[in-house]
Protein backbone atom coordinates (compact mmCIF):
# COMPACT_ATOMS: atom_id res chain seq x y z
CA UNK A 1 0.00 0.00 0.00
CA UNK A 2 1.18 3.51 -0.74
CA UNK A 3 0.33 4.69 2.77
CA UNK A 4 2.79 3.51 5.42
CA UNK A 5 1.81 3.20 9.08
CA UNK A 6 4.29 4.31 11.75
CA UNK A 7 2.12 3.70 14.77
CA UNK A 8 4.54 1.23 16.39
CA UNK A 9 7.36 3.77 16.31
CA UNK A 10 5.22 6.46 17.94
CA UNK A 11 4.01 4.02 20.60
CA UNK A 12 7.64 3.17 21.44
CA UNK A 13 8.60 6.85 21.63
CA UNK A 14 5.68 7.51 23.96
CA UNK A 15 6.42 4.37 26.01
CA UNK A 16 2.83 3.25 25.57
CA UNK A 17 1.57 -0.24 24.81
CA UNK A 18 -0.96 -0.92 22.12
CA UNK A 19 -3.25 -2.28 24.81
CA UNK A 20 -3.14 1.06 26.66
CA UNK A 21 -3.87 2.94 23.44
CA UNK A 22 -6.83 0.65 22.69
CA UNK A 23 -8.30 1.38 26.09
CA UNK A 24 -7.88 5.15 25.67
CA UNK A 25 -9.13 5.30 22.07
CA UNK A 26 -11.91 2.77 22.75
CA UNK A 27 -11.13 0.37 19.91
CA UNK A 28 -10.47 -3.35 20.00
CA UNK A 29 -6.98 -4.77 19.98
CA UNK A 30 -7.89 -6.63 16.80
CA UNK A 31 -8.81 -3.40 15.00
CA UNK A 32 -5.66 -1.65 16.17
CA UNK A 33 -3.61 -4.64 15.03
CA UNK A 34 -5.15 -4.41 11.55
CA UNK A 35 -4.29 -0.71 11.44
CA UNK A 36 -0.74 -1.26 12.71
CA UNK A 37 -0.10 -3.99 10.13
CA UNK A 38 -1.15 -1.73 7.27
CA UNK A 39 -3.93 -4.11 6.25
CA UNK A 40 -6.76 -1.71 7.07
CA UNK A 41 -8.77 -0.65 4.03
CA UNK A 42 -10.04 2.43 5.83
CA UNK A 43 -10.08 4.19 9.16
CA UNK A 44 -12.49 6.74 10.58
CA UNK A 45 -11.31 10.28 11.09
CA UNK A 46 -12.64 10.12 14.65
CA UNK A 47 -10.37 7.16 15.39
CA UNK A 48 -7.34 8.92 13.89
CA UNK A 49 -8.25 12.02 15.88
CA UNK A 50 -8.34 10.08 19.17
CA UNK A 51 -5.09 8.23 18.37
CA UNK A 52 -3.32 11.51 17.64
CA UNK A 53 -4.79 13.13 20.75
CA UNK A 54 -3.62 10.39 23.12
CA UNK A 55 -0.22 9.99 21.43
CA UNK A 56 0.22 13.78 21.20
CA UNK A 57 1.23 13.55 17.56
CA UNK A 58 0.13 14.72 14.13
CA UNK A 59 -1.55 12.55 11.51
CA UNK A 60 1.61 12.84 9.41
CA UNK A 61 3.60 11.23 12.22
CA UNK A 62 1.66 7.97 11.93
CA UNK A 63 0.53 7.95 8.28
CA UNK A 64 3.00 8.65 5.47
CA UNK A 65 2.65 8.47 1.70
CA UNK A 66 5.53 6.52 0.12
CA UNK A 67 5.14 8.08 -3.34
CA UNK A 68 3.85 4.90 -5.01
CA UNK A 69 0.51 4.17 -6.56
CA UNK A 70 -0.73 0.69 -5.70
C-alpha atoms as a PDB file:
ATOM      1  CA  UNK A   1       0.000   0.000   0.000  1.00  0.00           C
ATOM      2  CA  UNK A   2       1.180   3.506  -0.743  1.00  0.00           C
ATOM      3  CA  UNK A   3       0.330   4.690   2.771  1.00  0.00           C
ATOM      4  CA  UNK A   4       2.789   3.510   5.416  1.00  0.00           C
ATOM      5  CA  UNK A   5       1.811   3.202   9.079  1.00  0.00           C
ATOM      6  CA  UNK A   6       4.295   4.310  11.752  1.00  0.00           C
ATOM      7  CA  UNK A   7       2.121   3.699  14.772  1.00  0.00           C
ATOM      8  CA  UNK A   8       4.545   1.233  16.392  1.00  0.00           C
ATOM      9  CA  UNK A   9       7.355   3.774  16.314  1.00  0.00           C
ATOM     10  CA  UNK A  10       5.215   6.458  17.938  1.00  0.00           C
ATOM     11  CA  UNK A  11       4.010   4.018  20.602  1.00  0.00           C
ATOM     12  CA  UNK A  12       7.640   3.171  21.443  1.00  0.00           C
ATOM     13  CA  UNK A  13       8.601   6.855  21.628  1.00  0.00           C
ATOM     14  CA  UNK A  14       5.677   7.512  23.965  1.00  0.00           C
ATOM     15  CA  UNK A  15       6.418   4.373  26.010  1.00  0.00           C
ATOM     16  CA  UNK A  16       2.835   3.246  25.573  1.00  0.00           C
ATOM     17  CA  UNK A  17       1.572  -0.238  24.809  1.00  0.00           C
ATOM     18  CA  UNK A  18      -0.963  -0.915  22.115  1.00  0.00           C
ATOM     19  CA  UNK A  19      -3.248  -2.284  24.811  1.00  0.00           C
ATOM     20  CA  UNK A  20      -3.136   1.062  26.656  1.00  0.00           C
ATOM     21  CA  UNK A  21      -3.872   2.941  23.441  1.00  0.00           C
ATOM     22  CA  UNK A  22      -6.827   0.654  22.689  1.00  0.00           C
ATOM     23  CA  UNK A  23      -8.303   1.384  26.087  1.00  0.00           C
ATOM     24  CA  UNK A  24      -7.880   5.145  25.669  1.00  0.00           C
ATOM     25  CA  UNK A  25      -9.133   5.301  22.072  1.00  0.00           C
ATOM     26  CA  UNK A  26     -11.905   2.773  22.750  1.00  0.00           C
ATOM     27  CA  UNK A  27     -11.131   0.368  19.912  1.00  0.00           C
ATOM     28  CA  UNK A  28     -10.473  -3.353  20.003  1.00  0.00           C
ATOM     29  CA  UNK A  29      -6.977  -4.765  19.979  1.00  0.00           C
ATOM     30  CA  UNK A  30      -7.889  -6.634  16.798  1.00  0.00           C
ATOM     31  CA  UNK A  31      -8.811  -3.402  15.001  1.00  0.00           C
ATOM     32  CA  UNK A  32      -5.657  -1.647  16.171  1.00  0.00           C
ATOM     33  CA  UNK A  33      -3.612  -4.638  15.031  1.00  0.00           C
ATOM     34  CA  UNK A  34      -5.150  -4.409  11.552  1.00  0.00           C
ATOM     35  CA  UNK A  35      -4.290  -0.712  11.437  1.00  0.00           C
ATOM     36  CA  UNK A  36      -0.741  -1.264  12.707  1.00  0.00           C
ATOM     37  CA  UNK A  37      -0.096  -3.995  10.134  1.00  0.00           C
ATOM     38  CA  UNK A  38      -1.148  -1.730   7.272  1.00  0.00           C
ATOM     39  CA  UNK A  39      -3.934  -4.108   6.252  1.00  0.00           C
ATOM     40  CA  UNK A  40      -6.762  -1.709   7.068  1.00  0.00           C
ATOM     41  CA  UNK A  41      -8.773  -0.651   4.028  1.00  0.00           C
ATOM     42  CA  UNK A  42     -10.041   2.434   5.832  1.00  0.00           C
ATOM     43  CA  UNK A  43     -10.077   4.194   9.156  1.00  0.00           C
ATOM     44  CA  UNK A  44     -12.485   6.735  10.578  1.00  0.00           C
ATOM     45  CA  UNK A  45     -11.309  10.279  11.094  1.00  0.00           C
ATOM     46  CA  UNK A  46     -12.639  10.120  14.648  1.00  0.00           C
ATOM     47  CA  UNK A  47     -10.374   7.160  15.387  1.00  0.00           C
ATOM     48  CA  UNK A  48      -7.344   8.916  13.892  1.00  0.00           C
ATOM     49  CA  UNK A  49      -8.253  12.017  15.883  1.00  0.00           C
ATOM     50  CA  UNK A  50      -8.338  10.079  19.169  1.00  0.00           C
ATOM     51  CA  UNK A  51      -5.093   8.232  18.370  1.00  0.00           C
ATOM     52  CA  UNK A  52      -3.319  11.515  17.641  1.00  0.00           C
ATOM     53  CA  UNK A  53      -4.790  13.127  20.748  1.00  0.00           C
ATOM     54  CA  UNK A  54      -3.616  10.395  23.117  1.00  0.00           C
ATOM     55  CA  UNK A  55      -0.224   9.994  21.434  1.00  0.00           C
ATOM     56  CA  UNK A  56       0.218  13.784  21.197  1.00  0.00           C
ATOM     57  CA  UNK A  57       1.230  13.553  17.558  1.00  0.00           C
ATOM     58  CA  UNK A  58       0.128  14.723  14.133  1.00  0.00           C
ATOM     59  CA  UNK A  59      -1.546  12.550  11.510  1.00  0.00           C
ATOM     60  CA  UNK A  60       1.607  12.840   9.415  1.00  0.00           C
ATOM     61  CA  UNK A  61       3.597  11.229  12.220  1.00  0.00           C
ATOM     62  CA  UNK A  62       1.663   7.972  11.930  1.00  0.00           C
ATOM     63  CA  UNK A  63       0.529   7.945   8.278  1.00  0.00           C
ATOM     64  CA  UNK A  64       2.999   8.648   5.474  1.00  0.00           C
ATOM     65  CA  UNK A  65       2.652   8.465   1.699  1.00  0.00           C
ATOM     66  CA  UNK A  66       5.531   6.524   0.116  1.00  0.00           C
ATOM     67  CA  UNK A  67       5.137   8.076  -3.335  1.00  0.00           C
ATOM     68  CA  UNK A  68       3.850   4.897  -5.013  1.00  0.00           C
ATOM     69  CA  UNK A  69       0.507   4.170  -6.560  1.00  0.00           C
ATOM     70  CA  UNK A  70      -0.734   0.688  -5.703  1.00  0.00           C
END
